[in-house]
Amino acid sequence: MRMRRFLRALPVEKENLLLLVPDRRFEEAFRDKMSAIKYKRRYDRARELHERRSEDVERKLMLMEDKFVETPQDELASSFPTSSTSIPFRC
């Protein structure tokens, strides 16, 4: 659009110069194509990040489960405060 205005302002044969400038339909189609490419890139990037996050969450949950299963019951019981040092629980 700007290029077309610039070329129209030049003092030369306008018919020959306007053939060098793409028409509006081409500009719109080109803009639409570029928008589609940008949208696809954003969509793919968001999908990839979502997959990574869900894999990380799943990995962390599996590690937590493994740590809980691997912890012997004696260590688990000793990690909780005893009733003599803590405040008793009342309903």
PDB file of N, CA and C in Angstrom:
ATOM      1  N   MET A   1       0.829  -1.185   0.000  1.00  0.00           N
ATOM      2  CA  MET A   1       0.000   0.000   0.000  1.00  0.00           C
ATOM      3  C   MET A   1       0.876   1.252   0.000  1.00  0.00           C
ATOM      4  N   ARG A   2       1.863   1.315   0.879  1.00  0.00           N
ATOM      5  CA  ARG A   2       2.757   2.472   0.913  1.00  0.00           C
ATOM      6  C   ARG A   2       3.580   2.555  -0.364  1.00  0.00           C
ATOM      7  N   MET A   3       4.026   1.382  -0.822  1.00  0.00           N
ATOM      8  CA  MET A   3       4.821   1.362  -2.040  1.00  0.00           C
ATOM      9  C   MET A   3       4.006   1.852  -3.234  1.00  0.00           C
ATOM     10  N   ARG A   4       2.762   1.459  -3.281  1.00  0.00           N
ATOM     11  CA  ARG A   4       1.879   1.892  -4.364  1.00  0.00           C
ATOM     12  C   ARG A   4       1.724   3.411  -4.351  1.00  0.00           C
ATOM     13  N   ARG A   5       1.533   3.973  -3.180  1.00  0.00           N
ATOM     14  CA  ARG A   5       1.405   5.434  -3.074  1.00  0.00           C
ATOM     15  C   ARG A   5       2.689   6.134  -3.501  1.00  0.00           C
ATOM     16  N   PHE A   6       3.810   5.576  -3.088  1.00  0.00           N
ATOM     17  CA  PHE A   6       5.098   6.162  -3.457  1.00  0.00           C
ATOM     18  C   PHE A   6       5.292   6.135  -4.974  1.00  0.00           C
ATOM     19  N   LEU A   7       4.982   4.998  -5.584  1.00  0.00           N
ATOM     20  CA  LEU A   7       5.168   4.884  -7.030  1.00  0.00           C
ATOM     21  C   LEU A   7       4.202   5.769  -7.805  1.00  0.00           C
ATOM     22  N   ARG A   8       3.024   5.955  -7.282  1.00  0.00           N
ATOM     23  CA  ARG A   8       2.069   6.846  -7.952  1.00  0.00           C
ATOM     24  C   ARG A   8       2.537   8.296  -7.903  1.00  0.00           C
ATOM     25  N   ALA A   9       3.303   8.628  -6.873  1.00  0.00           N
ATOM     26  CA  ALA A   9       3.793  10.000  -6.735  1.00  0.00           C
ATOM     27  C   ALA A   9       4.963  10.294  -7.673  1.00  0.00           C
ATOM     28  N   LEU A  10       5.593   9.262  -8.207  1.00  0.00           N
ATOM     29  CA  LEU A  10       6.731   9.471  -9.109  1.00  0.00           C
ATOM     30  C   LEU A  10       6.261   9.976 -10.474  1.00  0.00           C
ATOM     31  N   PRO A  11       7.011  10.866 -11.096  1.00  0.00           N
ATOM     32  CA  PRO A  11       6.621  11.403 -12.415  1.00  0.00           C
ATOM     33  C   PRO A  11       7.107  10.513 -13.564  1.00  0.00           C
ATOM     34  N   VAL A  12       6.621   9.296 -13.643  1.00  0.00           N
ATOM     35  CA  VAL A  12       6.985   8.346 -14.695  1.00  0.00           C
ATOM     36  C   VAL A  12       5.692   7.706 -15.187  1.00  0.00           C
ATOM     37  N   GLU A  13       5.781   6.883 -16.198  1.00  0.00           N
ATOM     38  CA  GLU A  13       4.584   6.202 -16.694  1.00  0.00           C
ATOM     39  C   GLU A  13       3.995   5.339 -15.581  1.00  0.00           C
ATOM     40  N   LYS A  14       2.820   5.691 -15.162  1.00  0.00           N
ATOM     41  CA  LYS A  14       2.205   5.007 -14.027  1.00  0.00           C
ATOM     42  C   LYS A  14       1.814   3.574 -14.369  1.00  0.00           C
ATOM     43  N   GLU A  15       1.420   3.335 -15.605  1.00  0.00           N
ATOM     44  CA  GLU A  15       0.976   1.989 -15.973  1.00  0.00           C
ATOM     45  C   GLU A  15       2.113   0.973 -15.811  1.00  0.00           C
ATOM     46  N   ASN A  16       3.304   1.352 -16.237  1.00  0.00           N
ATOM     47  CA  ASN A  16       4.441   0.435 -16.127  1.00  0.00           C
ATOM     48  C   ASN A  16       4.868   0.234 -14.674  1.00  0.00           C
ATOM     49  N   LEU A  17       4.822   1.288 -13.887  1.00  0.00           N
ATOM     50  CA  LEU A  17       5.225   1.166 -12.488  1.00  0.00           C
ATOM     51  C   LEU A  17       4.229   0.356 -11.673  1.00  0.00           C
ATOM     52  N   LEU A  18       2.953   0.524 -11.955  1.00  0.00           N
ATOM     53  CA  LEU A  18       1.945  -0.205 -11.182  1.00  0.00           C
ATOM     54  C   LEU A  18       2.001  -1.702 -11.454  1.00  0.00           C
ATOM     55  N   LEU A  19       2.573  -2.094 -12.567  1.00  0.00           N
ATOM     56  CA  LEU A  19       2.733  -3.525 -12.829  1.00  0.00           C
ATOM     57  C   LEU A  19       3.763  -4.148 -11.892  1.00  0.00           C
ATOM     58  N   LEU A  20       4.663  -3.342 -11.374  1.00  0.00           N
ATOM     59  CA  LEU A  20       5.678  -3.845 -10.448  1.00  0.00           C
ATOM     60  C   LEU A  20       5.133  -4.066  -9.042  1.00  0.00           C
ATOM     61  N   VAL A  21       4.059  -3.380  -8.722  1.00  0.00           N
ATOM     62  CA  VAL A  21       3.500  -3.437  -7.374  1.00  0.00           C
ATOM     63  C   VAL A  21       2.414  -4.505  -7.332  1.00  0.00           C
ATOM     64  N   PRO A  22       2.455  -5.381  -6.351  1.00  0.00           N
ATOM     65  CA  PRO A  22       1.398  -6.394  -6.262  1.00  0.00           C
ATOM     66  C   PRO A  22       0.046  -5.752  -5.959  1.00  0.00           C
ATOM     67  N   ASP A  23      -0.989  -6.369  -6.461  1.00  0.00           N
ATOM     68  CA  ASP A  23      -2.317  -5.799  -6.227  1.00  0.00           C
ATOM     69  C   ASP A  23      -2.810  -6.128  -4.822  1.00  0.00           C
ATOM     70  N   ARG A  24      -3.928  -5.565  -4.454  1.00  0.00           N
ATOM     71  CA  ARG A  24      -4.468  -5.687  -3.104  1.00  0.00           C
ATOM     72  C   ARG A  24      -4.819  -7.137  -2.757  1.00  0.00           C
ATOM     73  N   ARG A  25      -5.337  -7.882  -3.732  1.00  0.00           N
ATOM     74  CA  ARG A  25      -5.693  -9.279  -3.459  1.00  0.00           C
ATOM     75  C   ARG A  25      -4.462 -10.088  -3.074  1.00  0.00           C
ATOM     76  N   PHE A  26      -3.367  -9.832  -3.785  1.00  0.00           N
ATOM     77  CA  PHE A  26      -2.133 -10.529  -3.444  1.00  0.00           C
ATOM     78  C   PHE A  26      -1.671 -10.143  -2.041  1.00  0.00           C
ATOM     79  N   GLU A  27      -1.737  -8.865  -1.724  1.00  0.00           N
ATOM     80  CA  GLU A  27      -1.322  -8.404  -0.395  1.00  0.00           C
ATOM     81  C   GLU A  27      -2.156  -9.055   0.699  1.00  0.00           C
ATOM     82  N   GLU A  28      -3.465  -9.128   0.487  1.00  0.00           N
ATOM     83  CA  GLU A  28      -4.343  -9.741   1.489  1.00  0.00           C
ATOM     84  C   GLU A  28      -4.069 -11.231   1.618  1.00  0.00           C
ATOM     85  N   ALA A  29      -3.881 -11.900   0.480  1.00  0.00           N
ATOM     86  CA  ALA A  29      -3.594 -13.333   0.524  1.00  0.00           C
ATOM     87  C   ALA A  29      -2.257 -13.590   1.218  1.00  0.00           C
ATOM     88  N   PHE A  30      -1.280 -12.753   0.921  1.00  0.00           N
ATOM     89  CA  PHE A  30       0.029 -12.900   1.552  1.00  0.00           C
ATOM     90  C   PHE A  30      -0.070 -12.677   3.059  1.00  0.00           C
ATOM     91  N   ARG A  31      -0.807 -11.655   3.470  1.00  0.00           N
ATOM     92  CA  ARG A  31      -0.993 -11.369   4.892  1.00  0.00           C
ATOM     93  C   ARG A  31      -1.714 -12.525   5.587  1.00  0.00           C
ATOM     94  N   ASP A  32      -2.741 -13.064   4.930  1.00  0.00           N
ATOM     95  CA  ASP A  32      -3.462 -14.202   5.503  1.00  0.00           C
ATOM     96  C   ASP A  32      -2.549 -15.415   5.659  1.00  0.00           C
ATOM     97  N   LYS A  33      -1.728 -15.660   4.648  1.00  0.00           N
ATOM     98  CA  LYS A  33      -0.811 -16.798   4.704  1.00  0.00           C
ATOM     99  C   LYS A  33       0.193 -16.622   5.839  1.00  0.00           C
ATOM    100  N   MET A  34       0.729 -15.424   5.978  1.00  0.00           N
ATOM    101  CA  MET A  34       1.683 -15.173   7.058  1.00  0.00           C
ATOM    102  C   MET A  34       1.016 -15.308   8.427  1.00  0.00           C
ATOM    103  N   SER A  35      -0.223 -14.864   8.534  1.00  0.00           N
ATOM    104  CA  SER A  35      -0.954 -15.011   9.799  1.00  0.00           C
ATOM    105  C   SER A  35      -1.173 -16.482  10.119  1.00  0.00           C
ATOM    106  N   ALA A  36      -1.498 -17.267   9.101  1.00  0.00           N
ATOM    107  CA  ALA A  36      -1.704 -18.700   9.314  1.00  0.00           C
ATOM    108  C   ALA A  36      -0.407 -19.371   9.756  1.00  0.00           C
ATOM    109  N   ILE A  37       0.700 -18.968   9.160  1.00  0.00           N
ATOM    110  CA  ILE A  37       1.993 -19.543   9.544  1.00  0.00           C
ATOM    111  C   ILE A  37       2.332 -19.173  10.983  1.00  0.00           C
ATOM    112  N   LYS A  38       2.115 -17.914  11.350  1.00  0.00           N
ATOM    113  CA  LYS A  38       2.383 -17.482  12.727  1.00  0.00           C
ATOM    114  C   LYS A  38       1.491 -18.224  13.711  1.00  0.00           C
ATOM    115  N   TYR A  39       0.203 -18.386  13.368  1.00  0.00           N
ATOM    116  CA  TYR A  39      -0.722 -19.091  14.249  1.00  0.00           C
ATOM    117  C   TYR A  39      -0.276 -20.536  14.438  1.00  0.00           C
ATOM    118  N   LYS A  40       0.134 -21.178  13.338  1.00  0.00           N
ATOM    119  CA  LYS A  40       0.560 -22.575  13.434  1.00  0.00           C
ATOM    120  C   LYS A  40       1.798 -22.695  14.313  1.00  0.00           C
ATOM    121  N   ARG A  41       2.741 -21.770  14.155  1.00  0.00           N
ATOM    122  CA  ARG A  41       3.942 -21.803  14.996  1.00  0.00           C
ATOM    123  C   ARG A  41       3.586 -21.625  16.462  1.00  0.00           C
ATOM    124  N   ARG A  42       2.707 -20.674  16.765  1.00  0.00           N
ATOM    125  CA  ARG A  42       2.283 -20.458  18.161  1.00  0.00           C
ATOM    126  C   ARG A  42       1.572 -21.682  18.716  1.00  0.00           C
ATOM    127  N   TYR A  43       0.703 -22.275  17.899  1.00  0.00           N
ATOM    128  CA  TYR A  43      -0.043 -23.451  18.335  1.00  0.00           C
ATOM    129  C   TYR A  43       0.911 -24.607  18.628  1.00  0.00           C
ATOM    130  N   ASP A  44       1.852 -24.847  17.714  1.00  0.00           N
ATOM    131  CA  ASP A  44       2.811 -25.934  17.919  1.00  0.00           C
ATOM    132  C   ASP A  44       3.667 -25.687  19.154  1.00  0.00           C
ATOM    133  N   ARG A  45       4.086 -24.451  19.348  1.00  0.00           N
ATOM    134  CA  ARG A  45       4.906 -24.116  20.516  1.00  0.00           C
ATOM    135  C   ARG A  45       4.121 -24.315  21.818  1.00  0.00           C
ATOM    136  N   ALA A  46       2.872 -23.868  21.833  1.00  0.00           N
ATOM    137  CA  ALA A  46       2.041 -24.033  23.031  1.00  0.00           C
ATOM    138  C   ALA A  46       1.795 -25.511  23.316  1.00  0.00           C
ATOM    139  N   ARG A  47       1.556 -26.290  22.261  1.00  0.00           N
ATOM    140  CA  ARG A  47       1.329 -27.732  22.444  1.00  0.00           C
ATOM    141  C   ARG A  47       2.584 -28.400  22.999  1.00  0.00           C
ATOM    142  N   GLU A  48       3.735 -28.021  22.466  1.00  0.00           N
ATOM    143  CA  GLU A  48       4.996 -28.582  22.938  1.00  0.00           C
ATOM    144  C   GLU A  48       5.244 -28.232  24.407  1.00  0.00           C
ATOM    145  N   LEU A  49       5.009 -26.981  24.779  1.00  0.00           N
ATOM    146  CA  LEU A  49       5.195 -26.573  26.177  1.00  0.00           C
ATOM    147  C   LEU A  49       4.223 -27.292  27.101  1.00  0.00           C
ATOM    148  N   HIS A  50       2.987 -27.462  26.653  1.00  0.00           N
ATOM    149  CA  HIS A  50       1.995 -28.172  27.459  1.00  0.00           C
ATOM    150  C   HIS A  50       2.420 -29.626  27.674  1.00  0.00           C
ATOM    151  N   GLU A  51       2.906 -30.274  26.620  1.00  0.00           N
ATOM    152  CA  GLU A  51       3.364 -31.657  26.759  1.00  0.00           C
ATOM    153  C   GLU A  51       4.541 -31.748  27.722  1.00  0.00           C
ATOM    154  N   ARG A  52       5.472 -30.806  27.610  1.00  0.00           N
ATOM    155  CA  ARG A  52       6.624 -30.811  28.520  1.00  0.00           C
ATOM    156  C   ARG A  52       6.187 -30.646  29.967  1.00  0.00           C
ATOM    157  N   ARG A  53       5.267 -29.693  30.204  1.00  0.00           N
ATOM    158  CA  ARG A  53       4.801 -29.465  31.579  1.00  0.00           C
ATOM    159  C   ARG A  53       4.110 -30.699  32.135  1.00  0.00           C
ATOM    160  N   SER A  54       3.240 -31.312  31.335  1.00  0.00           N
ATOM    161  CA  SER A  54       2.533 -32.485  31.853  1.00  0.00           C
ATOM    162  C   SER A  54       3.491 -33.651  32.083  1.00  0.00           C
ATOM    163  N   GLU A  55       4.518 -33.787  31.234  1.00  0.00           N
ATOM    164  CA  GLU A  55       5.520 -34.828  31.475  1.00  0.00           C
ATOM    165  C   GLU A  55       6.305 -34.534  32.746  1.00  0.00           C
ATOM    166  N   ASP A  56       6.643 -33.275  32.981  1.00  0.00           N
ATOM    167  CA  ASP A  56       7.364 -32.908  34.206  1.00  0.00           C
ATOM    168  C   ASP A  56       6.523 -33.194  35.445  1.00  0.00           C
ATOM    169  N   VAL A  57       5.254 -32.848  35.387  1.00  0.00           N
ATOM    170  CA  VAL A  57       4.366 -33.107  36.527  1.00  0.00           C
ATOM    171  C   VAL A  57       4.259 -34.604  36.773  1.00  0.00           C
ATOM    172  N   GLU A  58       4.100 -35.366  35.703  1.00  0.00           N
ATOM    173  CA  GLU A  58       3.999 -36.820  35.850  1.00  0.00           C
ATOM    174  C   GLU A  58       5.296 -37.394  36.423  1.00  0.00           C
ATOM    175  N   ARG A  59       6.431 -36.894  35.947  1.00  0.00           N
ATOM    176  CA  ARG A  59       7.724 -37.362  36.452  1.00  0.00           C
ATOM    177  C   ARG A  59       7.867 -37.043  37.938  1.00  0.00           C
ATOM    178  N   LYS A  60       7.467 -35.836  38.342  1.00  0.00           N
ATOM    179  CA  LYS A  60       7.566 -35.451  39.754  1.00  0.00           C
ATOM    180  C   LYS A  60       6.656 -36.310  40.630  1.00  0.00           C
ATOM    181  N   LEU A  61       5.450 -36.574  40.141  1.00  0.00           N
ATOM    182  CA  LEU A  61       4.539 -37.422  40.911  1.00  0.00           C
ATOM    183  C   LEU A  61       5.092 -38.831  41.061  1.00  0.00           C
ATOM    184  N   MET A  62       5.673 -39.353  39.997  1.00  0.00           N
ATOM    185  CA  MET A  62       6.256 -40.694  40.077  1.00  0.00           C
ATOM    186  C   MET A  62       7.427 -40.721  41.050  1.00  0.00           C
ATOM    187  N   LEU A  63       8.249 -39.676  41.051  1.00  0.00           N
ATOM    188  CA  LEU A  63       9.357 -39.617  42.002  1.00  0.00           C
ATOM    189  C   LEU A  63       8.852 -39.542  43.438  1.00  0.00           C
ATOM    190  N   MET A  64       7.789 -38.769  43.656  1.00  0.00           N
ATOM    191  CA  MET A  64       7.227 -38.682  45.006  1.00  0.00           C
ATOM    192  C   MET A  64       6.693 -40.035  45.451  1.00  0.00           C
ATOM    193  N   GLU A  65       6.017 -40.744  44.535  1.00  0.00           N
ATOM    194  CA  GLU A  65       5.510 -42.075  44.882  1.00  0.00           C
ATOM    195  C   GLU A  65       6.659 -43.026  45.187  1.00  0.00           C
ATOM    196  N   ASP A  66       7.715 -42.965  44.366  1.00  0.00           N
ATOM    197  CA  ASP A  66       8.869 -43.841  44.599  1.00  0.00           C
ATOM    198  C   ASP A  66       9.518 -43.550  45.943  1.00  0.00           C
ATOM    199  N   LYS A  67       9.674 -42.283  46.283  1.00  0.00           N
ATOM    200  CA  LYS A  67      10.283 -41.928  47.565  1.00  0.00           C
ATOM    201  C   LYS A  67       9.421 -42.407  48.725  1.00  0.00           C
ATOM    202  N   PHE A  68       8.102 -42.309  48.583  1.00  0.00           N
ATOM    203  CA  PHE A  68       7.212 -42.746  49.653  1.00  0.00           C
ATOM    204  C   PHE A  68       7.286 -44.256  49.822  1.00  0.00           C
ATOM    205  N   VAL A  69       7.329 -44.982  48.731  1.00  0.00           N
ATOM    206  CA  VAL A  69       7.388 -46.447  48.799  1.00  0.00           C
ATOM    207  C   VAL A  69       8.741 -46.900  49.320  1.00  0.00           C
ATOM    208  N   GLU A  70       9.817 -46.222  48.941  1.00  0.00           N
ATOM    209  CA  GLU A  70      11.159 -46.623  49.351  1.00  0.00           C
ATOM    210  C   GLU A  70      11.447 -46.301  50.813  1.00  0.00           C
ATOM    211  N   THR A  71      10.733 -45.356  51.399  1.00  0.00           N
ATOM    212  CA  THR A  71      10.982 -44.973  52.786  1.00  0.00           C
ATOM    213  C   THR A  71      10.497 -46.086  53.710  1.00  0.00           C
ATOM    214  N   PRO A  72      11.379 -46.647  54.517  1.00  0.00           N
ATOM    215  CA  PRO A  72      10.945 -47.688  55.464  1.00  0.00           C
ATOM    216  C   PRO A  72       9.954 -47.112  56.473  1.00  0.00           C
ATOM    217  N   GLN A  73       9.123 -47.977  56.993  1.00  0.00           N
ATOM    218  CA  GLN A  73       8.072 -47.545  57.911  1.00  0.00           C
ATOM    219  C   GLN A  73       8.645 -46.964  59.200  1.00  0.00           C
ATOM    220  N   ASP A  74       9.788 -47.465  59.661  1.00  0.00           N
ATOM    221  CA  ASP A  74      10.392 -46.928  60.889  1.00  0.00           C
ATOM    222  C   ASP A  74      10.830 -45.480  60.688  1.00  0.00           C
ATOM    223  N   GLU A  75      11.443 -45.207  59.536  1.00  0.00           N
ATOM    224  CA  GLU A  75      11.865 -43.835  59.261  1.00  0.00           C
ATOM    225  C   GLU A  75      10.657 -42.919  59.109  1.00  0.00           C
ATOM    226  N   LEU A  76       9.613 -43.439  58.484  1.00  0.00           N
ATOM    227  CA  LEU A  76       8.410 -42.650  58.290  1.00  0.00           C
ATOM    228  C   LEU A  76       7.771 -42.317  59.634  1.00  0.00           C
ATOM    229  N   ALA A  77       7.707 -43.310  60.532  1.00  0.00           N
ATOM    230  CA  ALA A  77       7.119 -43.078  61.849  1.00  0.00           C
ATOM    231  C   ALA A  77       7.979 -42.118  62.671  1.00  0.00           C
ATOM    232  N   SER A  78       9.286 -42.218  62.526  1.00  0.00           N
ATOM    233  CA  SER A  78      10.153 -41.329  63.311  1.00  0.00           C
ATOM    234  C   SER A  78      10.127 -39.897  62.777  1.00  0.00           C
ATOM    235  N   SER A  79       9.733 -39.727  61.520  1.00  0.00           N
ATOM    236  CA  SER A  79       9.682 -38.371  60.974  1.00  0.00           C
ATOM    237  C   SER A  79       8.493 -37.585  61.516  1.00  0.00           C
ATOM    238  N   PHE A  80       7.454 -38.298  61.990  1.00  0.00           N
ATOM    239  CA  PHE A  80       6.307 -37.614  62.585  1.00  0.00           C
ATOM    240  C   PHE A  80       6.631 -37.242  64.022  1.00  0.00           C
ATOM    241  N   PRO A  81       6.153 -36.104  64.484  1.00  0.00           N
ATOM    242  CA  PRO A  81       6.429 -35.728  65.882  1.00  0.00           C
ATOM    243  C   PRO A  81       5.706 -36.675  66.845  1.00  0.00           C
ATOM    244  N   THR A  82       6.337 -36.915  67.951  1.00  0.00           N
ATOM    245  CA  THR A  82       5.712 -37.789  68.953  1.00  0.00           C
ATOM    246  C   THR A  82       4.687 -36.995  69.746  1.00  0.00           C
ATOM    247  N   SER A  83       3.808 -37.707  70.404  1.00  0.00           N
ATOM    248  CA  SER A  83       2.731 -37.037  71.136  1.00  0.00           C
ATOM    249  C   SER A  83       3.254 -36.275  72.352  1.00  0.00           C
ATOM    250  N   SER A  84       4.411 -36.660  72.883  1.00  0.00           N
ATOM    251  CA  SER A  84       4.927 -35.971  74.065  1.00  0.00           C
ATOM    252  C   SER A  84       5.486 -34.584  73.711  1.00  0.00           C
ATOM    253  N   THR A  85       5.970 -34.409  72.491  1.00  0.00           N
ATOM    254  CA  THR A  85       6.548 -33.116  72.130  1.00  0.00           C
ATOM    255  C   THR A  85       5.580 -32.231  71.364  1.00  0.00           C
ATOM    256  N   SER A  86       4.496 -32.800  70.930  1.00  0.00           N
ATOM    257  CA  SER A  86       3.574 -32.003  70.123  1.00  0.00           C
ATOM    258  C   SER A  86       2.277 -31.761  70.875  1.00  0.00           C
ATOM    259  N   ILE A  87       1.494 -30.877  70.352  1.00  0.00           N
ATOM    260  CA  ILE A  87       0.191 -30.574  70.934  1.00  0.00           C
ATOM    261  C   ILE A  87      -0.770 -31.689  70.550  1.00  0.00           C
ATOM    262  N   PRO A  88      -1.506 -32.232  71.509  1.00  0.00           N
ATOM    263  CA  PRO A  88      -2.425 -33.322  71.171  1.00  0.00           C
ATOM    264  C   PRO A  88      -3.538 -32.827  70.246  1.00  0.00           C
ATOM    265  N   PHE A  89      -3.960 -33.708  69.396  1.00  0.00           N
ATOM    266  CA  PHE A  89      -5.018 -33.396  68.431  1.00  0.00           C
ATOM    267  C   PHE A  89      -6.370 -33.640  69.076  1.00  0.00           C
ATOM    268  N   ARG A  90      -7.239 -32.628  69.042  1.00  0.00           N
ATOM    269  CA  ARG A  90      -8.586 -32.770  69.612  1.00  0.00           C
ATOM    270  C   ARG A  90      -9.609 -32.418  68.565  1.00  0.00           C
ATOM    271  N   CYS A  91     -10.679 -33.145  68.559  1.00  0.00           N
ATOM    272  CA  CYS A  91     -11.763 -32.879  67.615  1.00  0.00           C
ATOM    273  C   CYS A  91     -12.755 -31.910  68.181  1.00  0.00           C
TER     274      CYS A  91
END
